Amino acid sequence: MLKEEFTLHSQYGFHLRPAQVMVEKMSAFTSKVQVKK
């Protein structure tokens, strides 16, 4: 699923490295979890 999302972003001209994308997704996910607590 992450690969599909990265491919989709690439098609729209995003030039982020996969690792950077993963970090951003994890940061967003972590912040959402912290908000729920």
Protein backbone atom coordinates (compact mmCIF):
# COMPACT_ATOMS: atom_id res chain seq x y z
CA MET A 1 0.00 0.00 0.00
CA LEU A 2 2.85 2.36 0.84
CA LYS A 3 4.47 1.55 -2.50
CA GLU A 4 1.22 2.42 -4.27
CA GLU A 5 0.98 5.71 -2.38
CA PHE A 6 4.60 6.59 -3.20
CA THR A 7 3.99 5.77 -6.86
CA LEU A 8 0.91 7.99 -6.82
CA HIS A 9 2.89 10.85 -5.28
CA SER A 10 5.65 10.35 -7.85
CA GLN A 11 3.10 10.62 -10.66
CA TYR A 12 1.99 13.99 -9.26
CA GLY A 13 5.56 15.29 -9.26
CA PHE A 14 6.60 14.79 -5.63
CA HIS A 15 10.37 14.38 -5.41
CA LEU A 16 10.66 13.19 -1.81
CA ARG A 17 12.87 10.25 -1.02
CA PRO A 18 10.98 7.09 0.08
CA ALA A 19 12.68 7.25 3.49
CA GLN A 20 11.57 10.83 3.99
CA VAL A 21 8.01 9.90 3.03
CA MET A 22 8.06 7.05 5.55
CA VAL A 23 9.31 9.37 8.29
CA GLU A 24 6.57 11.87 7.56
CA LYS A 25 3.89 9.17 7.53
CA MET A 26 5.16 7.72 10.82
CA SER A 27 5.28 11.20 12.40
CA ALA A 28 1.70 11.89 11.35
CA PHE A 29 0.58 8.47 12.60
CA THR A 30 2.39 8.93 15.92
CA SER A 31 0.86 12.37 16.45
CA LYS A 32 -2.61 10.96 15.74
CA VAL A 33 -2.07 8.20 18.30
CA GLN A 34 -0.88 10.71 20.89
CA VAL A 35 -3.98 12.83 20.32
CA LYS A 36 -6.25 9.82 20.91
CA LYS A 37 -4.63 9.01 24.26
